[in-house]
Amino acid sequence: MNDFILRSDNILKSYTGSSKEVVIPEGITAIDPCAFCNNKHIESVKLPTTLIKIGTFAFSNCKRLRSVNFSETNLTEIAYSAFEQCKKLGYSIRFPSTLKYIAPYAFSGCKSIDNIILPRQCKCDETSFIYCKNIRFYTE
C-alpha cells in the first residue's frame, strides 16, 4: 500500500513502486491520468473489482506491461490513450460486461493484442485500437 498515492475519494493518484506484479487495492474506483505512465518495471496489473474508470494516459508507454485483468472489474470507461504504446500488452483481452466506452487511442500501438472481446453495448472509436496488428474483435 505504501507504493500507492491515493486521493481521499478512493482514486489512485500515482504509483511510486518498482514491482513487476502490481495489485491495486480493493476499494479503488478510478485511476488518475498518468498514474503509471512510463513505468519501466510493471509486467502485470491486477485491477480491483471496485474499479470503474481508467484515466487518460494511466498506463501509457509501460513497455513491459503484458497482462491486465480487465474482466474481473466493474469498469465502465477507459479514457483517451490509457494504454497507448504498451507494445507487449496482449494477447487476448476480455472486457467486463459493464464496459460502456473505450476512448480514442486507448490502446493505440498495442501491437501484441490479437483478440478483443467486447460487451455488445460498448462503444469505441475507430482509433481506439489503431496501430494494433492483426487484431480481431468479438462481442458477447
N, C-alpha and C. Protein backbone atom coordinates (compact mmCIF):
# COMPACT_ATOMS: atom_id res chain seq x y z
N MET A 1 0.82 -1.20 0.00
CA MET A 1 0.00 0.00 0.00
C MET A 1 0.87 1.26 0.00
N ASN A 2 2.10 1.17 0.47
CA ASN A 2 2.99 2.33 0.52
C ASN A 2 3.39 2.85 -0.85
N ASP A 3 3.26 2.01 -1.87
CA ASP A 3 3.65 2.41 -3.22
C ASP A 3 2.55 3.17 -3.95
N PHE A 4 1.39 3.30 -3.33
CA PHE A 4 0.25 3.96 -3.96
C PHE A 4 -0.03 5.29 -3.28
N ILE A 5 -0.22 6.32 -4.09
CA ILE A 5 -0.65 7.62 -3.56
C ILE A 5 -2.12 7.74 -3.93
N LEU A 6 -2.96 7.86 -2.89
CA LEU A 6 -4.40 7.87 -3.08
C LEU A 6 -4.99 9.24 -2.76
N ARG A 7 -6.07 9.57 -3.47
CA ARG A 7 -6.84 10.75 -3.12
C ARG A 7 -7.86 10.32 -2.07
N SER A 8 -8.44 11.25 -1.39
CA SER A 8 -9.40 10.93 -0.33
C SER A 8 -10.69 10.29 -0.84
N ASP A 9 -10.95 10.39 -2.14
CA ASP A 9 -12.18 9.85 -2.72
C ASP A 9 -11.98 8.47 -3.38
N ASN A 10 -11.00 7.69 -2.87
CA ASN A 10 -10.71 6.33 -3.35
C ASN A 10 -10.23 6.29 -4.80
N ILE A 11 -9.55 7.32 -5.23
CA ILE A 11 -8.97 7.36 -6.57
C ILE A 11 -7.45 7.26 -6.45
N LEU A 12 -6.87 6.36 -7.25
CA LEU A 12 -5.43 6.17 -7.27
C LEU A 12 -4.79 7.31 -8.05
N LYS A 13 -3.99 8.11 -7.36
CA LYS A 13 -3.37 9.27 -7.98
C LYS A 13 -2.08 8.88 -8.71
N SER A 14 -1.24 8.06 -8.05
CA SER A 14 0.00 7.63 -8.70
C SER A 14 0.59 6.41 -8.01
N TYR A 15 1.50 5.78 -8.72
CA TYR A 15 2.20 4.60 -8.23
C TYR A 15 3.69 4.92 -8.20
N THR A 16 4.33 4.67 -7.07
CA THR A 16 5.75 5.01 -6.92
C THR A 16 6.65 3.79 -6.78
N GLY A 17 6.08 2.60 -6.86
CA GLY A 17 6.85 1.37 -6.66
C GLY A 17 7.61 0.92 -7.89
N SER A 18 8.28 -0.23 -7.72
CA SER A 18 9.06 -0.80 -8.83
C SER A 18 8.81 -2.30 -8.98
N SER A 19 7.68 -2.77 -8.50
CA SER A 19 7.34 -4.19 -8.60
C SER A 19 7.01 -4.56 -10.04
N LYS A 20 7.26 -5.83 -10.39
CA LYS A 20 6.88 -6.34 -11.71
C LYS A 20 5.40 -6.67 -11.73
N GLU A 21 4.89 -7.16 -10.60
CA GLU A 21 3.47 -7.50 -10.49
C GLU A 21 2.80 -6.55 -9.51
N VAL A 22 1.83 -5.80 -9.99
CA VAL A 22 1.16 -4.80 -9.18
C VAL A 22 -0.28 -5.24 -8.91
N VAL A 23 -0.66 -5.19 -7.64
CA VAL A 23 -2.03 -5.48 -7.24
C VAL A 23 -2.61 -4.19 -6.68
N ILE A 24 -3.54 -3.61 -7.41
CA ILE A 24 -4.18 -2.37 -6.97
C ILE A 24 -5.22 -2.73 -5.91
N PRO A 25 -5.19 -2.05 -4.77
CA PRO A 25 -6.06 -2.41 -3.65
C PRO A 25 -7.57 -2.30 -3.96
N GLU A 26 -8.33 -3.22 -3.37
CA GLU A 26 -9.79 -3.15 -3.45
C GLU A 26 -10.25 -1.83 -2.84
N GLY A 27 -11.33 -1.31 -3.34
CA GLY A 27 -11.87 -0.04 -2.87
C GLY A 27 -11.55 1.10 -3.82
N ILE A 28 -10.49 0.94 -4.62
CA ILE A 28 -10.13 1.97 -5.60
C ILE A 28 -11.19 1.96 -6.70
N THR A 29 -11.75 3.14 -7.00
CA THR A 29 -12.81 3.22 -8.02
C THR A 29 -12.31 3.79 -9.35
N ALA A 30 -11.19 4.50 -9.32
CA ALA A 30 -10.65 5.09 -10.55
C ALA A 30 -9.14 5.23 -10.46
N ILE A 31 -8.52 5.29 -11.62
CA ILE A 31 -7.08 5.52 -11.72
C ILE A 31 -6.89 6.84 -12.44
N ASP A 32 -6.20 7.76 -11.80
CA ASP A 32 -5.99 9.10 -12.34
C ASP A 32 -5.12 9.09 -13.60
N PRO A 33 -5.20 10.19 -14.38
CA PRO A 33 -4.33 10.30 -15.55
C PRO A 33 -2.84 10.14 -15.18
N CYS A 34 -2.18 9.37 -15.99
CA CYS A 34 -0.73 9.15 -15.91
C CYS A 34 -0.26 8.53 -14.59
N ALA A 35 -1.12 7.82 -13.88
CA ALA A 35 -0.75 7.22 -12.59
C ALA A 35 0.40 6.23 -12.72
N PHE A 36 0.47 5.52 -13.83
CA PHE A 36 1.52 4.53 -14.07
C PHE A 36 2.34 4.84 -15.32
N CYS A 37 2.05 5.92 -16.02
CA CYS A 37 2.67 6.16 -17.32
C CYS A 37 4.20 6.15 -17.25
N ASN A 38 4.78 5.57 -18.28
CA ASN A 38 6.24 5.46 -18.43
C ASN A 38 6.91 4.58 -17.38
N ASN A 39 6.15 3.76 -16.67
CA ASN A 39 6.74 2.86 -15.68
C ASN A 39 7.56 1.80 -16.42
N LYS A 40 8.79 1.62 -15.99
CA LYS A 40 9.72 0.71 -16.67
C LYS A 40 9.75 -0.68 -16.05
N HIS A 41 8.96 -0.93 -15.00
CA HIS A 41 9.06 -2.19 -14.26
C HIS A 41 7.85 -3.11 -14.41
N ILE A 42 6.65 -2.55 -14.39
CA ILE A 42 5.47 -3.43 -14.30
C ILE A 42 5.28 -4.30 -15.53
N GLU A 43 4.94 -5.57 -15.23
CA GLU A 43 4.65 -6.56 -16.27
C GLU A 43 3.20 -7.03 -16.20
N SER A 44 2.62 -6.99 -15.01
CA SER A 44 1.21 -7.37 -14.87
C SER A 44 0.54 -6.51 -13.81
N VAL A 45 -0.76 -6.28 -14.04
CA VAL A 45 -1.55 -5.47 -13.11
C VAL A 45 -2.83 -6.22 -12.79
N LYS A 46 -3.10 -6.36 -11.50
CA LYS A 46 -4.38 -6.92 -11.05
C LYS A 46 -5.24 -5.75 -10.60
N LEU A 47 -6.29 -5.51 -11.35
CA LEU A 47 -7.22 -4.42 -11.04
C LEU A 47 -8.23 -4.87 -10.01
N PRO A 48 -8.69 -3.96 -9.15
CA PRO A 48 -9.69 -4.34 -8.14
C PRO A 48 -11.08 -4.48 -8.76
N THR A 49 -11.92 -5.27 -8.15
CA THR A 49 -13.29 -5.44 -8.64
C THR A 49 -14.07 -4.14 -8.55
N THR A 50 -13.64 -3.23 -7.69
CA THR A 50 -14.33 -1.95 -7.47
C THR A 50 -14.01 -0.89 -8.54
N LEU A 51 -13.07 -1.18 -9.44
CA LEU A 51 -12.63 -0.19 -10.42
C LEU A 51 -13.72 0.11 -11.45
N ILE A 52 -13.95 1.43 -11.69
CA ILE A 52 -14.96 1.88 -12.64
C ILE A 52 -14.34 2.61 -13.83
N LYS A 53 -13.27 3.37 -13.61
CA LYS A 53 -12.68 4.18 -14.69
C LYS A 53 -11.16 4.14 -14.66
N ILE A 54 -10.57 4.07 -15.86
CA ILE A 54 -9.13 4.19 -16.03
C ILE A 54 -8.89 5.49 -16.78
N GLY A 55 -8.11 6.39 -16.20
CA GLY A 55 -7.92 7.74 -16.73
C GLY A 55 -6.97 7.84 -17.91
N THR A 56 -6.95 9.03 -18.50
CA THR A 56 -6.12 9.37 -19.64
C THR A 56 -4.64 9.08 -19.37
N PHE A 57 -4.00 8.39 -20.29
CA PHE A 57 -2.58 8.05 -20.21
C PHE A 57 -2.20 7.26 -18.96
N ALA A 58 -3.17 6.67 -18.25
CA ALA A 58 -2.92 6.00 -16.97
C ALA A 58 -1.78 4.99 -17.03
N PHE A 59 -1.72 4.19 -18.09
CA PHE A 59 -0.67 3.17 -18.22
C PHE A 59 0.14 3.37 -19.50
N SER A 60 0.04 4.51 -20.13
CA SER A 60 0.70 4.70 -21.42
C SER A 60 2.21 4.53 -21.31
N ASN A 61 2.75 3.94 -22.37
CA ASN A 61 4.19 3.75 -22.50
C ASN A 61 4.80 2.87 -21.41
N CYS A 62 4.03 1.93 -20.89
CA CYS A 62 4.58 0.93 -19.96
C CYS A 62 5.11 -0.21 -20.82
N LYS A 63 6.36 -0.13 -21.18
CA LYS A 63 6.97 -1.01 -22.19
C LYS A 63 6.95 -2.48 -21.84
N ARG A 64 6.94 -2.84 -20.56
CA ARG A 64 6.97 -4.25 -20.15
C ARG A 64 5.61 -4.83 -19.78
N LEU A 65 4.59 -4.00 -19.76
CA LEU A 65 3.27 -4.45 -19.35
C LEU A 65 2.73 -5.49 -20.32
N ARG A 66 2.44 -6.69 -19.78
CA ARG A 66 1.97 -7.81 -20.60
C ARG A 66 0.51 -8.18 -20.33
N SER A 67 0.08 -8.05 -19.06
CA SER A 67 -1.28 -8.50 -18.75
C SER A 67 -1.97 -7.60 -17.74
N VAL A 68 -3.28 -7.47 -17.96
CA VAL A 68 -4.17 -6.70 -17.09
C VAL A 68 -5.49 -7.48 -17.03
N ASN A 69 -6.03 -7.68 -15.84
CA ASN A 69 -7.26 -8.48 -15.67
C ASN A 69 -8.53 -7.65 -15.77
N PHE A 70 -8.80 -7.12 -16.92
CA PHE A 70 -9.98 -6.27 -17.13
C PHE A 70 -11.29 -6.97 -16.74
N SER A 71 -11.43 -8.23 -17.09
CA SER A 71 -12.72 -8.93 -16.96
C SER A 71 -13.21 -9.09 -15.54
N GLU A 72 -12.37 -8.92 -14.56
CA GLU A 72 -12.76 -9.10 -13.15
C GLU A 72 -13.13 -7.79 -12.47
N THR A 73 -13.37 -6.74 -13.25
CA THR A 73 -13.67 -5.42 -12.70
C THR A 73 -15.11 -5.02 -12.99
N ASN A 74 -15.49 -3.84 -12.51
CA ASN A 74 -16.78 -3.23 -12.85
C ASN A 74 -16.55 -2.01 -13.74
N LEU A 75 -15.52 -2.06 -14.52
CA LEU A 75 -15.08 -0.98 -15.38
C LEU A 75 -16.19 -0.54 -16.33
N THR A 76 -16.37 0.79 -16.43
CA THR A 76 -17.35 1.33 -17.39
C THR A 76 -16.67 2.17 -18.47
N GLU A 77 -15.48 2.70 -18.18
CA GLU A 77 -14.82 3.60 -19.14
C GLU A 77 -13.30 3.46 -19.10
N ILE A 78 -12.71 3.45 -20.30
CA ILE A 78 -11.26 3.50 -20.46
C ILE A 78 -10.98 4.77 -21.25
N ALA A 79 -10.25 5.70 -20.66
CA ALA A 79 -10.07 7.03 -21.23
C ALA A 79 -9.01 7.07 -22.34
N TYR A 80 -8.94 8.23 -22.96
CA TYR A 80 -8.03 8.54 -24.06
C TYR A 80 -6.60 8.08 -23.77
N SER A 81 -6.03 7.30 -24.67
CA SER A 81 -4.63 6.87 -24.62
C SER A 81 -4.23 6.16 -23.33
N ALA A 82 -5.18 5.56 -22.64
CA ALA A 82 -4.91 4.93 -21.34
C ALA A 82 -3.80 3.87 -21.39
N PHE A 83 -3.74 3.11 -22.47
CA PHE A 83 -2.72 2.05 -22.62
C PHE A 83 -1.88 2.25 -23.88
N GLU A 84 -1.83 3.45 -24.38
CA GLU A 84 -1.10 3.74 -25.60
C GLU A 84 0.37 3.30 -25.50
N GLN A 85 0.82 2.63 -26.54
CA GLN A 85 2.21 2.17 -26.67
C GLN A 85 2.64 1.14 -25.63
N CYS A 86 1.69 0.38 -25.11
CA CYS A 86 2.02 -0.78 -24.27
C CYS A 86 2.18 -1.95 -25.24
N LYS A 87 3.31 -2.00 -25.90
CA LYS A 87 3.52 -2.89 -27.04
C LYS A 87 3.50 -4.37 -26.72
N LYS A 88 3.70 -4.74 -25.46
CA LYS A 88 3.68 -6.16 -25.08
C LYS A 88 2.34 -6.60 -24.50
N LEU A 89 1.43 -5.66 -24.33
CA LEU A 89 0.12 -5.99 -23.76
C LEU A 89 -0.65 -6.86 -24.74
N GLY A 90 -1.18 -7.94 -24.28
CA GLY A 90 -1.94 -8.83 -25.16
C GLY A 90 -2.20 -10.13 -24.43
N TYR A 91 -2.44 -11.07 -25.07
CA TYR A 91 -2.68 -11.35 -26.48
C TYR A 91 -4.17 -11.35 -26.75
N SER A 92 -4.92 -11.86 -25.82
CA SER A 92 -6.37 -11.83 -25.91
C SER A 92 -6.88 -11.06 -24.69
N ILE A 93 -7.74 -10.09 -24.93
CA ILE A 93 -8.27 -9.28 -23.84
C ILE A 93 -9.79 -9.39 -23.82
N ARG A 94 -10.30 -9.77 -22.65
CA ARG A 94 -11.75 -9.84 -22.44
C ARG A 94 -12.12 -8.70 -21.49
N PHE A 95 -13.05 -7.86 -21.94
CA PHE A 95 -13.51 -6.75 -21.12
C PHE A 95 -14.76 -7.16 -20.35
N PRO A 96 -15.02 -6.50 -19.21
CA PRO A 96 -16.20 -6.86 -18.41
C PRO A 96 -17.50 -6.44 -19.09
N SER A 97 -18.56 -7.08 -18.72
CA SER A 97 -19.88 -6.77 -19.30
C SER A 97 -20.34 -5.36 -18.95
N THR A 98 -19.71 -4.73 -17.96
CA THR A 98 -20.07 -3.38 -17.52
C THR A 98 -19.46 -2.28 -18.39
N LEU A 99 -18.48 -2.62 -19.24
CA LEU A 99 -17.76 -1.61 -20.03
C LEU A 99 -18.69 -0.96 -21.06
N LYS A 100 -18.73 0.39 -21.04
CA LYS A 100 -19.60 1.13 -21.94
C LYS A 100 -18.83 1.92 -23.00
N TYR A 101 -17.57 2.31 -22.69
CA TYR A 101 -16.86 3.21 -23.61
C TYR A 101 -15.36 3.01 -23.54
N ILE A 102 -14.75 2.95 -24.74
CA ILE A 102 -13.30 2.96 -24.88
C ILE A 102 -12.97 4.17 -25.75
N ALA A 103 -12.23 5.11 -25.20
CA ALA A 103 -11.94 6.39 -25.86
C ALA A 103 -10.94 6.23 -27.01
N PRO A 104 -10.84 7.26 -27.86
CA PRO A 104 -9.86 7.24 -28.94
C PRO A 104 -8.43 6.99 -28.41
N TYR A 105 -7.70 6.22 -29.17
CA TYR A 105 -6.29 5.91 -28.92
C TYR A 105 -6.03 5.17 -27.61
N ALA A 106 -7.06 4.66 -26.97
CA ALA A 106 -6.90 3.99 -25.68
C ALA A 106 -5.87 2.86 -25.73
N PHE A 107 -5.85 2.11 -26.83
CA PHE A 107 -4.91 1.00 -26.98
C PHE A 107 -4.04 1.18 -28.23
N SER A 108 -3.82 2.40 -28.63
CA SER A 108 -3.02 2.69 -29.81
C SER A 108 -1.61 2.14 -29.68
N GLY A 109 -1.17 1.41 -30.68
CA GLY A 109 0.20 0.90 -30.69
C GLY A 109 0.43 -0.33 -29.83
N CYS A 110 -0.64 -0.95 -29.34
CA CYS A 110 -0.50 -2.19 -28.55
C CYS A 110 -0.42 -3.36 -29.53
N LYS A 111 0.75 -3.59 -30.07
CA LYS A 111 0.96 -4.49 -31.19
C LYS A 111 0.81 -5.97 -30.87
N SER A 112 0.79 -6.35 -29.60
CA SER A 112 0.70 -7.77 -29.24
C SER A 112 -0.74 -8.25 -29.06
N ILE A 113 -1.70 -7.35 -29.10
CA ILE A 113 -3.10 -7.77 -28.93
C ILE A 113 -3.58 -8.46 -30.19
N ASP A 114 -4.09 -9.68 -30.03
CA ASP A 114 -4.65 -10.44 -31.16
C ASP A 114 -6.17 -10.41 -31.16
N ASN A 115 -6.76 -10.62 -29.99
CA ASN A 115 -8.22 -10.75 -29.87
C ASN A 115 -8.76 -9.79 -28.81
N ILE A 116 -9.87 -9.17 -29.14
CA ILE A 116 -10.57 -8.29 -28.21
C ILE A 116 -11.99 -8.82 -28.08
N ILE A 117 -12.41 -9.04 -26.85
CA ILE A 117 -13.79 -9.49 -26.60
C ILE A 117 -14.50 -8.37 -25.85
N LEU A 118 -15.46 -7.76 -26.54
CA LEU A 118 -16.18 -6.59 -26.04
C LEU A 118 -17.62 -6.93 -25.70
N PRO A 119 -18.17 -6.28 -24.67
CA PRO A 119 -19.62 -6.43 -24.45
C PRO A 119 -20.36 -5.69 -25.56
N ARG A 120 -21.54 -6.15 -25.90
CA ARG A 120 -22.31 -5.58 -27.02
C ARG A 120 -22.56 -4.08 -26.90
N GLN A 121 -22.79 -3.59 -25.68
CA GLN A 121 -23.15 -2.17 -25.51
C GLN A 121 -21.93 -1.25 -25.51
N CYS A 122 -20.75 -1.79 -25.59
CA CYS A 122 -19.53 -0.96 -25.54
C CYS A 122 -19.34 -0.19 -26.83
N LYS A 123 -19.10 1.10 -26.68
CA LYS A 123 -18.82 1.97 -27.82
C LYS A 123 -17.32 2.26 -27.83
N CYS A 124 -16.76 2.21 -29.03
CA CYS A 124 -15.36 2.61 -29.16
C CYS A 124 -15.16 3.33 -30.48
N ASP A 125 -14.16 4.13 -30.52
CA ASP A 125 -13.83 4.93 -31.68
C ASP A 125 -13.02 4.09 -32.66
N GLU A 126 -13.01 4.47 -33.94
CA GLU A 126 -12.21 3.73 -34.91
C GLU A 126 -10.72 3.82 -34.62
N THR A 127 -10.31 4.77 -33.79
CA THR A 127 -8.89 4.90 -33.43
C THR A 127 -8.55 4.27 -32.08
N SER A 128 -9.53 3.71 -31.39
CA SER A 128 -9.29 3.13 -30.06
C SER A 128 -8.19 2.07 -30.09
N PHE A 129 -8.11 1.31 -31.19
CA PHE A 129 -7.13 0.24 -31.31
C PHE A 129 -6.24 0.44 -32.54
N ILE A 130 -6.01 1.69 -32.91
CA ILE A 130 -5.21 1.98 -34.09
C ILE A 130 -3.75 1.52 -33.87
N TYR A 131 -3.12 1.10 -34.92
CA TYR A 131 -1.74 0.59 -34.92
C TYR A 131 -1.58 -0.71 -34.15
N CYS A 132 -2.66 -1.45 -34.02
CA CYS A 132 -2.61 -2.80 -33.47
C CYS A 132 -2.68 -3.74 -34.67
N LYS A 133 -1.71 -4.61 -34.80
CA LYS A 133 -1.64 -5.50 -35.97
C LYS A 133 -2.51 -6.74 -35.76
N ASN A 134 -3.14 -7.19 -36.83
CA ASN A 134 -3.86 -8.47 -36.86
C ASN A 134 -4.89 -8.65 -35.75
N ILE A 135 -5.54 -7.60 -35.36
CA ILE A 135 -6.49 -7.67 -34.26
C ILE A 135 -7.86 -8.14 -34.75
N ARG A 136 -8.52 -8.99 -33.96
CA ARG A 136 -9.87 -9.47 -34.26
C ARG A 136 -10.79 -9.06 -33.11
N PHE A 137 -12.00 -8.65 -33.47
CA PHE A 137 -12.98 -8.22 -32.46
C PHE A 137 -14.11 -9.23 -32.36
N TYR A 138 -14.53 -9.47 -31.13
CA TYR A 138 -15.66 -10.36 -30.85
C TYR A 138 -16.55 -9.64 -29.86
N THR A 139 -17.84 -9.90 -29.92
CA THR A 139 -18.76 -9.35 -28.93
C THR A 139 -19.48 -10.49 -28.23
N GLU A 140 -19.90 -10.19 -27.01
CA GLU A 140 -20.69 -11.18 -26.27
C GLU A 140 -21.72 -10.49 -25.40
